[in-house]
């Protein structure tokens, strides 16, 4: 990497010289064999595995879903209000996926 002696920006190779795109300063390459031009090569991925079903890694509890009446739901707790107030419990039905909350 070479930096422009005038403005400090990165000098980019252009032919047998280095060019500062910011101020336009040009320098000849002193030893061309010491410089290596690296090109970014993007690979195209042909096959992508798509996971259609979302697997929940949450604990379950016995409760009644207000939407479908199922008796099992995933649950988690978040602090949605001030720290001196109790956290909010969230539930998601294992059957229909409806999410509801319960304030303590």
PDB file of N, CA and C in Angstrom:
ATOM      1  N   UNK A   1       0.839  -1.175   0.000  1.00  0.00           N
ATOM      2  CA  UNK A   1       0.000   0.000   0.000  1.00  0.00           C
ATOM      3  C   UNK A   1       0.883   1.237   0.000  1.00  0.00           C
ATOM      4  N   UNK A   2       0.498   2.153  -0.807  1.00  0.00           N
ATOM      5  CA  UNK A   2       1.204   3.438  -0.861  1.00  0.00           C
ATOM      6  C   UNK A   2       0.182   4.533  -0.573  1.00  0.00           C
ATOM      7  N   UNK A   3       0.655   5.554   0.140  1.00  0.00           N
ATOM      8  CA  UNK A   3      -0.203   6.682   0.461  1.00  0.00           C
ATOM      9  C   UNK A   3       0.334   7.945  -0.188  1.00  0.00           C
ATOM     10  N   UNK A   4      -0.560   8.820  -0.555  1.00  0.00           N
ATOM     11  CA  UNK A   4      -0.211  10.065  -1.230  1.00  0.00           C
ATOM     12  C   UNK A   4       0.607  10.958  -0.292  1.00  0.00           C
ATOM     13  N   UNK A   5       1.765  11.464  -0.743  1.00  0.00           N
ATOM     14  CA  UNK A   5       2.567  12.337   0.096  1.00  0.00           C
ATOM     15  C   UNK A   5       1.931  13.716   0.294  1.00  0.00           C
ATOM     16  N   UNK A   6       0.969  14.088  -0.557  1.00  0.00           N
ATOM     17  CA  UNK A   6       0.334  15.400  -0.446  1.00  0.00           C
ATOM     18  C   UNK A   6      -0.864  15.390   0.495  1.00  0.00           C
ATOM     19  N   UNK A   7      -1.774  14.429   0.299  1.00  0.00           N
ATOM     20  CA  UNK A   7      -3.019  14.444   1.091  1.00  0.00           C
ATOM     21  C   UNK A   7      -3.176  13.237   2.016  1.00  0.00           C
ATOM     22  N   UNK A   8      -2.349  12.206   1.856  1.00  0.00           N
ATOM     23  CA  UNK A   8      -2.413  11.037   2.733  1.00  0.00           C
ATOM     24  C   UNK A   8      -3.416   9.978   2.314  1.00  0.00           C
ATOM     25  N   UNK A   9      -4.083  10.151   1.181  1.00  0.00           N
ATOM     26  CA  UNK A   9      -5.056   9.165   0.708  1.00  0.00           C
ATOM     27  C   UNK A   9      -4.343   7.966   0.092  1.00  0.00           C
ATOM     28  N   UNK A  10      -5.067   6.898  -0.082  1.00  0.00           N
ATOM     29  CA  UNK A  10      -4.535   5.676  -0.671  1.00  0.00           C
ATOM     30  C   UNK A  10      -4.263   5.887  -2.155  1.00  0.00           C
ATOM     31  N   UNK A  11      -3.067   5.489  -2.596  1.00  0.00           N
ATOM     32  CA  UNK A  11      -2.692   5.583  -4.006  1.00  0.00           C
ATOM     33  C   UNK A  11      -3.108   4.285  -4.692  1.00  0.00           C
ATOM     34  N   UNK A  12      -3.755   4.406  -5.847  1.00  0.00           N
ATOM     35  CA  UNK A  12      -4.229   3.244  -6.584  1.00  0.00           C
ATOM     36  C   UNK A  12      -3.406   3.057  -7.854  1.00  0.00           C
ATOM     37  N   UNK A  13      -3.170   1.787  -8.249  1.00  0.00           N
ATOM     38  CA  UNK A  13      -2.371   1.559  -9.454  1.00  0.00           C
ATOM     39  C   UNK A  13      -3.143   1.947 -10.708  1.00  0.00           C
ATOM     40  N   UNK A  14      -2.426   2.587 -11.634  1.00  0.00           N
ATOM     41  CA  UNK A  14      -2.992   2.928 -12.941  1.00  0.00           C
ATOM     42  C   UNK A  14      -1.860   2.824 -13.945  1.00  0.00           C
ATOM     43  N   UNK A  15      -1.870   1.749 -14.723  1.00  0.00           N
ATOM     44  CA  UNK A  15      -0.789   1.494 -15.672  1.00  0.00           C
ATOM     45  C   UNK A  15       0.508   1.224 -14.924  1.00  0.00           C
ATOM     46  N   UNK A  16       1.586   1.961 -15.253  1.00  0.00           N
ATOM     47  CA  UNK A  16       2.873   1.812 -14.565  1.00  0.00           C
ATOM     48  C   UNK A  16       3.085   2.907 -13.527  1.00  0.00           C
ATOM     49  N   UNK A  17       2.001   3.453 -12.992  1.00  0.00           N
ATOM     50  CA  UNK A  17       2.119   4.508 -11.988  1.00  0.00           C
ATOM     51  C   UNK A  17       1.047   4.331 -10.920  1.00  0.00           C
ATOM     52  N   UNK A  18       1.164   5.149  -9.878  1.00  0.00           N
ATOM     53  CA  UNK A  18       0.182   5.171  -8.814  1.00  0.00           C
ATOM     54  C   UNK A  18      -0.530   6.505  -8.850  1.00  0.00           C
ATOM     55  N   UNK A  19      -1.854   6.489  -8.695  1.00  0.00           N
ATOM     56  CA  UNK A  19      -2.657   7.686  -8.804  1.00  0.00           C
ATOM     57  C   UNK A  19      -3.448   7.897  -7.527  1.00  0.00           C
ATOM     58  N   UNK A  20      -3.441   9.135  -7.020  1.00  0.00           N
ATOM     59  CA  UNK A  20      -4.286   9.514  -5.888  1.00  0.00           C
ATOM     60  C   UNK A  20      -5.578  10.062  -6.468  1.00  0.00           C
ATOM     61  N   UNK A  21      -6.697   9.392  -6.191  1.00  0.00           N
ATOM     62  CA  UNK A  21      -7.976   9.829  -6.747  1.00  0.00           C
ATOM     63  C   UNK A  21      -8.504  11.071  -6.051  1.00  0.00           C
ATOM     64  N   UNK A  22      -7.982  11.377  -4.873  1.00  0.00           N
ATOM     65  CA  UNK A  22      -8.472  12.536  -4.139  1.00  0.00           C
ATOM     66  C   UNK A  22      -7.869  13.844  -4.662  1.00  0.00           C
ATOM     67  N   UNK A  23      -6.539  13.903  -4.762  1.00  0.00           N
ATOM     68  CA  UNK A  23      -5.893  15.149  -5.185  1.00  0.00           C
ATOM     69  C   UNK A  23      -5.297  15.075  -6.594  1.00  0.00           C
ATOM     70  N   UNK A  24      -5.210  13.878  -7.194  1.00  0.00           N
ATOM     71  CA  UNK A  24      -4.704  13.735  -8.548  1.00  0.00           C
ATOM     72  C   UNK A  24      -3.197  13.560  -8.658  1.00  0.00           C
ATOM     73  N   UNK A  25      -2.499  13.439  -7.550  1.00  0.00           N
ATOM     74  CA  UNK A  25      -1.043  13.260  -7.554  1.00  0.00           C
ATOM     75  C   UNK A  25      -0.693  11.922  -8.215  1.00  0.00           C
ATOM     76  N   UNK A  26       0.339  11.921  -9.080  1.00  0.00           N
ATOM     77  CA  UNK A  26       0.762  10.718  -9.789  1.00  0.00           C
ATOM     78  C   UNK A  26       2.223  10.453  -9.452  1.00  0.00           C
ATOM     79  N   UNK A  27       2.539   9.179  -9.170  1.00  0.00           N
ATOM     80  CA  UNK A  27       3.924   8.756  -8.934  1.00  0.00           C
ATOM     81  C   UNK A  27       4.219   7.557  -9.805  1.00  0.00           C
ATOM     82  N   UNK A  28       5.420   7.530 -10.350  1.00  0.00           N
ATOM     83  CA  UNK A  28       5.860   6.366 -11.117  1.00  0.00           C
ATOM     84  C   UNK A  28       6.208   5.241 -10.151  1.00  0.00           C
ATOM     85  N   UNK A  29       5.966   3.998 -10.546  1.00  0.00           N
ATOM     86  CA  UNK A  29       6.354   2.846  -9.732  1.00  0.00           C
ATOM     87  C   UNK A  29       7.870   2.741  -9.706  1.00  0.00           C
ATOM     88  N   UNK A  30       8.423   2.663  -8.498  1.00  0.00           N
ATOM     89  CA  UNK A  30       9.871   2.575  -8.385  1.00  0.00           C
ATOM     90  C   UNK A  30      10.365   1.179  -8.743  1.00  0.00           C
ATOM     91  N   UNK A  31       9.774   0.164  -8.126  1.00  0.00           N
ATOM     92  CA  UNK A  31      10.145  -1.223  -8.407  1.00  0.00           C
ATOM     93  C   UNK A  31       8.844  -1.988  -8.668  1.00  0.00           C
ATOM     94  N   UNK A  32       8.447  -2.106  -9.913  1.00  0.00           N
ATOM     95  CA  UNK A  32       7.165  -2.743 -10.216  1.00  0.00           C
ATOM     96  C   UNK A  32       7.058  -4.178  -9.701  1.00  0.00           C
ATOM     97  N   UNK A  33       8.176  -4.891  -9.560  1.00  0.00           N
ATOM     98  CA  UNK A  33       8.106  -6.279  -9.095  1.00  0.00           C
ATOM     99  C   UNK A  33       7.724  -6.376  -7.619  1.00  0.00           C
ATOM    100  N   UNK A  34       7.824  -5.284  -6.854  1.00  0.00           N
ATOM    101  CA  UNK A  34       7.465  -5.296  -5.435  1.00  0.00           C
ATOM    102  C   UNK A  34       5.971  -5.107  -5.213  1.00  0.00           C
ATOM    103  N   UNK A  35       5.258  -4.632  -6.239  1.00  0.00           N
ATOM    104  CA  UNK A  35       3.833  -4.378  -6.100  1.00  0.00           C
ATOM    105  C   UNK A  35       3.045  -5.559  -6.643  1.00  0.00           C
ATOM    106  N   UNK A  36       1.984  -5.913  -5.952  1.00  0.00           N
ATOM    107  CA  UNK A  36       1.111  -6.983  -6.389  1.00  0.00           C
ATOM    108  C   UNK A  36      -0.306  -6.440  -6.451  1.00  0.00           C
ATOM    109  N   UNK A  37      -0.952  -6.607  -7.565  1.00  0.00           N
ATOM    110  CA  UNK A  37      -2.327  -6.175  -7.725  1.00  0.00           C
ATOM    111  C   UNK A  37      -3.230  -7.343  -7.340  1.00  0.00           C
ATOM    112  N   UNK A  38      -4.123  -7.108  -6.410  1.00  0.00           N
ATOM    113  CA  UNK A  38      -5.027  -8.138  -5.933  1.00  0.00           C
ATOM    114  C   UNK A  38      -6.426  -7.803  -6.430  1.00  0.00           C
ATOM    115  N   UNK A  39      -7.079  -8.769  -7.068  1.00  0.00           N
ATOM    116  CA  UNK A  39      -8.437  -8.584  -7.550  1.00  0.00           C
ATOM    117  C   UNK A  39      -9.371  -9.446  -6.724  1.00  0.00           C
ATOM    118  N   UNK A  40     -10.510  -8.889  -6.394  1.00  0.00           N
ATOM    119  CA  UNK A  40     -11.513  -9.632  -5.637  1.00  0.00           C
ATOM    120  C   UNK A  40     -12.320 -10.488  -6.608  1.00  0.00           C
ATOM    121  N   UNK A  41     -12.409 -11.776  -6.306  1.00  0.00           N
ATOM    122  CA  UNK A  41     -13.154 -12.704  -7.144  1.00  0.00           C
ATOM    123  C   UNK A  41     -14.354 -13.185  -6.337  1.00  0.00           C
ATOM    124  N   UNK A  42     -15.532 -12.961  -6.884  1.00  0.00           N
ATOM    125  CA  UNK A  42     -16.738 -13.408  -6.207  1.00  0.00           C
ATOM    126  C   UNK A  42     -17.171 -14.752  -6.779  1.00  0.00           C
ATOM    127  N   UNK A  43     -17.471 -15.684  -5.872  1.00  0.00           N
ATOM    128  CA  UNK A  43     -17.925 -17.001  -6.297  1.00  0.00           C
ATOM    129  C   UNK A  43     -19.439 -17.053  -6.227  1.00  0.00           C
ATOM    130  N   UNK A  44     -20.036 -17.670  -7.230  1.00  0.00           N
ATOM    131  CA  UNK A  44     -21.477 -17.813  -7.248  1.00  0.00           C
ATOM    132  C   UNK A  44     -21.836 -19.167  -6.642  1.00  0.00           C
ATOM    133  N   UNK A  45     -22.719 -19.150  -5.678  1.00  0.00           N
ATOM    134  CA  UNK A  45     -23.157 -20.376  -5.022  1.00  0.00           C
ATOM    135  C   UNK A  45     -24.349 -20.920  -5.803  1.00  0.00           C
ATOM    136  N   UNK A  46     -24.228 -22.147  -6.247  1.00  0.00           N
ATOM    137  CA  UNK A  46     -25.275 -22.759  -7.068  1.00  0.00           C
ATOM    138  C   UNK A  46     -26.452 -23.264  -6.233  1.00  0.00           C
ATOM    139  N   UNK A  47     -26.181 -24.072  -5.214  1.00  0.00           N
ATOM    140  CA  UNK A  47     -27.246 -24.679  -4.428  1.00  0.00           C
ATOM    141  C   UNK A  47     -27.275 -24.068  -3.035  1.00  0.00           C
ATOM    142  N   UNK A  48     -28.457 -23.662  -2.613  1.00  0.00           N
ATOM    143  CA  UNK A  48     -28.650 -23.114  -1.280  1.00  0.00           C
ATOM    144  C   UNK A  48     -29.724 -23.932  -0.595  1.00  0.00           C
ATOM    145  N   UNK A  49     -29.403 -24.439   0.589  1.00  0.00           N
ATOM    146  CA  UNK A  49     -30.385 -25.187   1.359  1.00  0.00           C
ATOM    147  C   UNK A  49     -31.310 -24.210   2.065  1.00  0.00           C
ATOM    148  N   UNK A  50     -32.608 -24.364   1.851  1.00  0.00           N
ATOM    149  CA  UNK A  50     -33.593 -23.495   2.473  1.00  0.00           C
ATOM    150  C   UNK A  50     -34.301 -24.280   3.562  1.00  0.00           C
ATOM    151  N   UNK A  51     -34.295 -23.719   4.756  1.00  0.00           N
ATOM    152  CA  UNK A  51     -34.998 -24.348   5.876  1.00  0.00           C
ATOM    153  C   UNK A  51     -36.377 -23.722   5.932  1.00  0.00           C
ATOM    154  N   UNK A  52     -37.393 -24.508   5.656  1.00  0.00           N
ATOM    155  CA  UNK A  52     -38.752 -23.990   5.596  1.00  0.00           C
ATOM    156  C   UNK A  52     -39.403 -23.937   6.975  1.00  0.00           C
ATOM    157  N   UNK A  53     -38.993 -24.802   7.877  1.00  0.00           N
ATOM    158  CA  UNK A  53     -39.620 -24.862   9.183  1.00  0.00           C
ATOM    159  C   UNK A  53     -38.688 -24.253  10.217  1.00  0.00           C
ATOM    160  N   UNK A  54     -39.203 -23.292  10.964  1.00  0.00           N
ATOM    161  CA  UNK A  54     -38.418 -22.669  12.013  1.00  0.00           C
ATOM    162  C   UNK A  54     -38.522 -23.522  13.276  1.00  0.00           C
ATOM    163  N   UNK A  55     -37.375 -23.930  13.775  1.00  0.00           N
ATOM    164  CA  UNK A  55     -37.375 -24.740  14.979  1.00  0.00           C
ATOM    165  C   UNK A  55     -37.113 -23.842  16.175  1.00  0.00           C
ATOM    166  N   UNK A  56     -37.969 -23.925  17.148  1.00  0.00           N
ATOM    167  CA  UNK A  56     -37.845 -23.088  18.336  1.00  0.00           C
ATOM    168  C   UNK A  56     -36.963 -23.801  19.357  1.00  0.00           C
ATOM    169  N   UNK A  57     -36.036 -23.074  19.928  1.00  0.00           N
ATOM    170  CA  UNK A  57     -35.169 -23.624  20.965  1.00  0.00           C
ATOM    171  C   UNK A  57     -35.545 -22.967  22.288  1.00  0.00           C
ATOM    172  N   UNK A  58     -36.839 -22.951  22.571  1.00  0.00           N
ATOM    173  CA  UNK A  58     -37.345 -22.319  23.787  1.00  0.00           C
ATOM    174  C   UNK A  58     -38.032 -23.360  24.664  1.00  0.00           C
ATOM    175  N   UNK A  59     -38.102 -23.108  25.957  1.00  0.00           N
ATOM    176  CA  UNK A  59     -38.829 -24.032  26.836  1.00  0.00           C
ATOM    177  C   UNK A  59     -40.336 -23.917  26.587  1.00  0.00           C
ATOM    178  N   UNK A  60     -41.069 -24.972  26.967  1.00  0.00           N
ATOM    179  CA  UNK A  60     -42.519 -24.967  26.795  1.00  0.00           C
ATOM    180  C   UNK A  60     -43.196 -24.981  28.159  1.00  0.00           C
ATOM    181  N   UNK A  61     -44.444 -24.564  28.153  1.00  0.00           N
ATOM    182  CA  UNK A  61     -45.248 -24.516  29.369  1.00  0.00           C
ATOM    183  C   UNK A  61     -46.680 -24.889  29.001  1.00  0.00           C
ATOM    184  N   UNK A  62     -47.415 -25.411  29.987  1.00  0.00           N
ATOM    185  CA  UNK A  62     -48.822 -25.733  29.758  1.00  0.00           C
ATOM    186  C   UNK A  62     -49.647 -24.480  30.036  1.00  0.00           C
ATOM    187  N   UNK A  63     -50.248 -23.948  28.998  1.00  0.00           N
ATOM    188  CA  UNK A  63     -51.129 -22.787  29.082  1.00  0.00           C
ATOM    189  C   UNK A  63     -52.085 -22.874  27.908  1.00  0.00           C
ATOM    190  N   UNK A  64     -53.157 -22.116  27.926  1.00  0.00           N
ATOM    191  CA  UNK A  64     -54.161 -22.193  26.866  1.00  0.00           C
ATOM    192  C   UNK A  64     -53.984 -21.037  25.893  1.00  0.00           C
ATOM    193  N   UNK A  65     -53.893 -21.383  24.618  1.00  0.00           N
ATOM    194  CA  UNK A  65     -53.766 -20.384  23.563  1.00  0.00           C
ATOM    195  C   UNK A  65     -55.103 -19.668  23.389  1.00  0.00           C
ATOM    196  N   UNK A  66     -55.128 -18.327  23.411  1.00  0.00           N
ATOM    197  CA  UNK A  66     -56.398 -17.611  23.252  1.00  0.00           C
ATOM    198  C   UNK A  66     -56.966 -17.698  21.831  1.00  0.00           C
ATOM    199  N   UNK A  67     -56.150 -18.133  20.870  1.00  0.00           N
ATOM    200  CA  UNK A  67     -56.603 -18.205  19.487  1.00  0.00           C
ATOM    201  C   UNK A  67     -57.168 -19.568  19.114  1.00  0.00           C
ATOM    202  N   UNK A  68     -56.394 -20.645  19.387  1.00  0.00           N
ATOM    203  CA  UNK A  68     -56.832 -21.974  18.933  1.00  0.00           C
ATOM    204  C   UNK A  68     -57.166 -22.934  20.074  1.00  0.00           C
ATOM    205  N   UNK A  69     -56.890 -22.567  21.320  1.00  0.00           N
ATOM    206  CA  UNK A  69     -57.213 -23.430  22.451  1.00  0.00           C
ATOM    207  C   UNK A  69     -56.183 -24.503  22.735  1.00  0.00           C
ATOM    208  N   UNK A  70     -55.067 -24.517  22.026  1.00  0.00           N
ATOM    209  CA  UNK A  70     -53.986 -25.483  22.265  1.00  0.00           C
ATOM    210  C   UNK A  70     -53.458 -25.281  23.692  1.00  0.00           C
ATOM    211  N   UNK A  71     -52.949 -26.335  24.310  1.00  0.00           N
ATOM    212  CA  UNK A  71     -52.533 -26.258  25.707  1.00  0.00           C
ATOM    213  C   UNK A  71     -51.025 -26.254  25.917  1.00  0.00           C
ATOM    214  N   UNK A  72     -50.224 -26.023  24.869  1.00  0.00           N
ATOM    215  CA  UNK A  72     -48.770 -25.961  25.009  1.00  0.00           C
ATOM    216  C   UNK A  72     -48.259 -24.723  24.266  1.00  0.00           C
ATOM    217  N   UNK A  73     -47.316 -24.018  24.916  1.00  0.00           N
ATOM    218  CA  UNK A  73     -46.756 -22.811  24.292  1.00  0.00           C
ATOM    219  C   UNK A  73     -45.298 -22.671  24.689  1.00  0.00           C
ATOM    220  N   UNK A  74     -44.516 -22.048  23.797  1.00  0.00           N
ATOM    221  CA  UNK A  74     -43.148 -21.668  24.135  1.00  0.00           C
ATOM    222  C   UNK A  74     -43.231 -20.410  24.983  1.00  0.00           C
ATOM    223  N   UNK A  75     -42.233 -20.163  25.814  1.00  0.00           N
ATOM    224  CA  UNK A  75     -42.245 -18.946  26.613  1.00  0.00           C
ATOM    225  C   UNK A  75     -40.848 -18.364  26.751  1.00  0.00           C
ATOM    226  N   UNK A  76     -40.785 -17.038  26.955  1.00  0.00           N
ATOM    227  CA  UNK A  76     -39.539 -16.325  27.237  1.00  0.00           C
ATOM    228  C   UNK A  76     -39.887 -15.058  28.001  1.00  0.00           C
ATOM    229  N   UNK A  77     -38.889 -14.495  28.646  1.00  0.00           N
ATOM    230  CA  UNK A  77     -39.084 -13.309  29.483  1.00  0.00           C
ATOM    231  C   UNK A  77     -38.196 -12.183  28.978  1.00  0.00           C
ATOM    232  N   UNK A  78     -38.752 -10.956  28.883  1.00  0.00           N
ATOM    233  CA  UNK A  78     -38.007  -9.762  28.500  1.00  0.00           C
ATOM    234  C   UNK A  78     -38.324  -8.634  29.472  1.00  0.00           C
ATOM    235  N   UNK A  79     -37.345  -7.801  29.727  1.00  0.00           N
ATOM    236  CA  UNK A  79     -37.555  -6.615  30.546  1.00  0.00           C
ATOM    237  C   UNK A  79     -38.002  -5.498  29.616  1.00  0.00           C
ATOM    238  N   UNK A  80     -39.324  -5.288  29.479  1.00  0.00           N
ATOM    239  CA  UNK A  80     -39.851  -4.310  28.528  1.00  0.00           C
ATOM    240  C   UNK A  80     -40.120  -2.955  29.158  1.00  0.00           C
ATOM    241  N   UNK A  81     -40.140  -2.907  30.492  1.00  0.00           N
ATOM    242  CA  UNK A  81     -40.389  -1.645  31.177  1.00  0.00           C
ATOM    243  C   UNK A  81     -39.176  -1.283  32.022  1.00  0.00           C
ATOM    244  N   UNK A  82     -39.314  -0.361  32.920  1.00  0.00           N
ATOM    245  CA  UNK A  82     -38.196   0.081  33.747  1.00  0.00           C
ATOM    246  C   UNK A  82     -37.652  -1.066  34.590  1.00  0.00           C
ATOM    247  N   UNK A  83     -36.410  -0.945  35.020  1.00  0.00           N
ATOM    248  CA  UNK A  83     -35.745  -2.023  35.751  1.00  0.00           C
ATOM    249  C   UNK A  83     -36.382  -2.303  37.104  1.00  0.00           C
ATOM    250  N   UNK A  84     -37.075  -1.318  37.697  1.00  0.00           N
ATOM    251  CA  UNK A  84     -37.693  -1.547  38.997  1.00  0.00           C
ATOM    252  C   UNK A  84     -39.070  -2.193  38.888  1.00  0.00           C
ATOM    253  N   UNK A  85     -39.535  -2.482  37.668  1.00  0.00           N
ATOM    254  CA  UNK A  85     -40.803  -3.156  37.454  1.00  0.00           C
ATOM    255  C   UNK A  85     -40.554  -4.593  36.993  1.00  0.00           C
ATOM    256  N   UNK A  86     -41.519  -5.485  37.209  1.00  0.00           N
ATOM    257  CA  UNK A  86     -41.301  -6.895  36.831  1.00  0.00           C
ATOM    258  C   UNK A  86     -41.209  -7.072  35.312  1.00  0.00           C
ATOM    259  N   UNK A  87     -40.542  -8.144  34.865  1.00  0.00           N
ATOM    260  CA  UNK A  87     -40.420  -8.401  33.421  1.00  0.00           C
ATOM    261  C   UNK A  87     -41.738  -8.874  32.816  1.00  0.00           C
ATOM    262  N   UNK A  88     -41.789  -8.880  31.482  1.00  0.00           N
ATOM    263  CA  UNK A  88     -42.974  -9.328  30.746  1.00  0.00           C
ATOM    264  C   UNK A  88     -42.718 -10.731  30.238  1.00  0.00           C
ATOM    265  N   UNK A  89     -43.692 -11.620  30.424  1.00  0.00           N
ATOM    266  CA  UNK A  89     -43.601 -12.985  29.906  1.00  0.00           C
ATOM    267  C   UNK A  89     -44.304 -13.051  28.564  1.00  0.00           C
ATOM    268  N   UNK A  90     -43.635 -13.651  27.584  1.00  0.00           N
ATOM    269  CA  UNK A  90     -44.211 -13.834  26.262  1.00  0.00           C
ATOM    270  C   UNK A  90     -44.453 -15.316  26.038  1.00  0.00           C
ATOM    271  N   UNK A  91     -45.542 -15.624  25.324  1.00  0.00           N
ATOM    272  CA  UNK A  91     -45.884 -16.999  24.987  1.00  0.00           C
ATOM    273  C   UNK A  91     -46.125 -17.078  23.484  1.00  0.00           C
ATOM    274  N   UNK A  92     -45.767 -18.221  22.884  1.00  0.00           N
ATOM    275  CA  UNK A  92     -46.067 -18.484  21.470  1.00  0.00           C
ATOM    276  C   UNK A  92     -46.630 -19.895  21.373  1.00  0.00           C
ATOM    277  N   UNK A  93     -47.805 -20.002  20.809  1.00  0.00           N
ATOM    278  CA  UNK A  93     -48.498 -21.291  20.685  1.00  0.00           C
ATOM    279  C   UNK A  93     -47.689 -22.245  19.802  1.00  0.00           C
ATOM    280  N   UNK A  94     -47.561 -23.490  20.257  1.00  0.00           N
ATOM    281  CA  UNK A  94     -46.813 -24.486  19.485  1.00  0.00           C
ATOM    282  C   UNK A  94     -47.609 -24.985  18.276  1.00  0.00           C
ATOM    283  N   UNK A  95     -48.913 -24.719  18.251  1.00  0.00           N
ATOM    284  CA  UNK A  95     -49.753 -25.207  17.160  1.00  0.00           C
ATOM    285  C   UNK A  95     -49.980 -24.127  16.093  1.00  0.00           C
ATOM    286  N   UNK A  96     -50.511 -22.964  16.486  1.00  0.00           N
ATOM    287  CA  UNK A  96     -50.866 -21.940  15.492  1.00  0.00           C
ATOM    288  C   UNK A  96     -49.835 -20.811  15.391  1.00  0.00           C
ATOM    289  N   UNK A  97     -48.925 -20.687  16.359  1.00  0.00           N
ATOM    290  CA  UNK A  97     -47.873 -19.685  16.294  1.00  0.00           C
ATOM    291  C   UNK A  97     -48.272 -18.316  16.827  1.00  0.00           C
ATOM    292  N   UNK A  98     -49.471 -18.164  17.365  1.00  0.00           N
ATOM    293  CA  UNK A  98     -49.905 -16.878  17.923  1.00  0.00           C
ATOM    294  C   UNK A  98     -49.037 -16.531  19.125  1.00  0.00           C
ATOM    295  N   UNK A  99     -48.647 -15.244  19.223  1.00  0.00           N
ATOM    296  CA  UNK A  99     -47.823 -14.766  20.330  1.00  0.00           C
ATOM    297  C   UNK A  99     -48.659 -13.816  21.178  1.00  0.00           C
ATOM    298  N   UNK A 100     -48.591 -14.003  22.481  1.00  0.00           N
ATOM    299  CA  UNK A 100     -49.263 -13.086  23.399  1.00  0.00           C
ATOM    300  C   UNK A 100     -48.359 -12.863  24.599  1.00  0.00           C
ATOM    301  N   UNK A 101     -48.683 -11.856  25.392  1.00  0.00           N
ATOM    302  CA  UNK A 101     -47.848 -11.504  26.545  1.00  0.00           C
ATOM    303  C   UNK A 101     -48.652 -11.532  27.824  1.00  0.00           C
ATOM    304  N   UNK A 102     -47.929 -11.656  28.918  1.00  0.00           N
ATOM    305  CA  UNK A 102     -48.536 -11.647  30.245  1.00  0.00           C
ATOM    306  C   UNK A 102     -47.674 -10.747  31.135  1.00  0.00           C
ATOM    307  N   UNK A 103     -48.305  -9.713  31.663  1.00  0.00           N
ATOM    308  CA  UNK A 103     -47.581  -8.827  32.575  1.00  0.00           C
ATOM    309  C   UNK A 103     -47.670  -9.380  33.978  1.00  0.00           C
ATOM    310  N   UNK A 104     -46.557  -9.370  34.687  1.00  0.00           N
ATOM    311  CA  UNK A 104     -46.549  -9.924  36.053  1.00  0.00           C
ATOM    312  C   UNK A 104     -47.002  -8.874  37.043  1.00  0.00           C
TER     313      UNK A 104
END
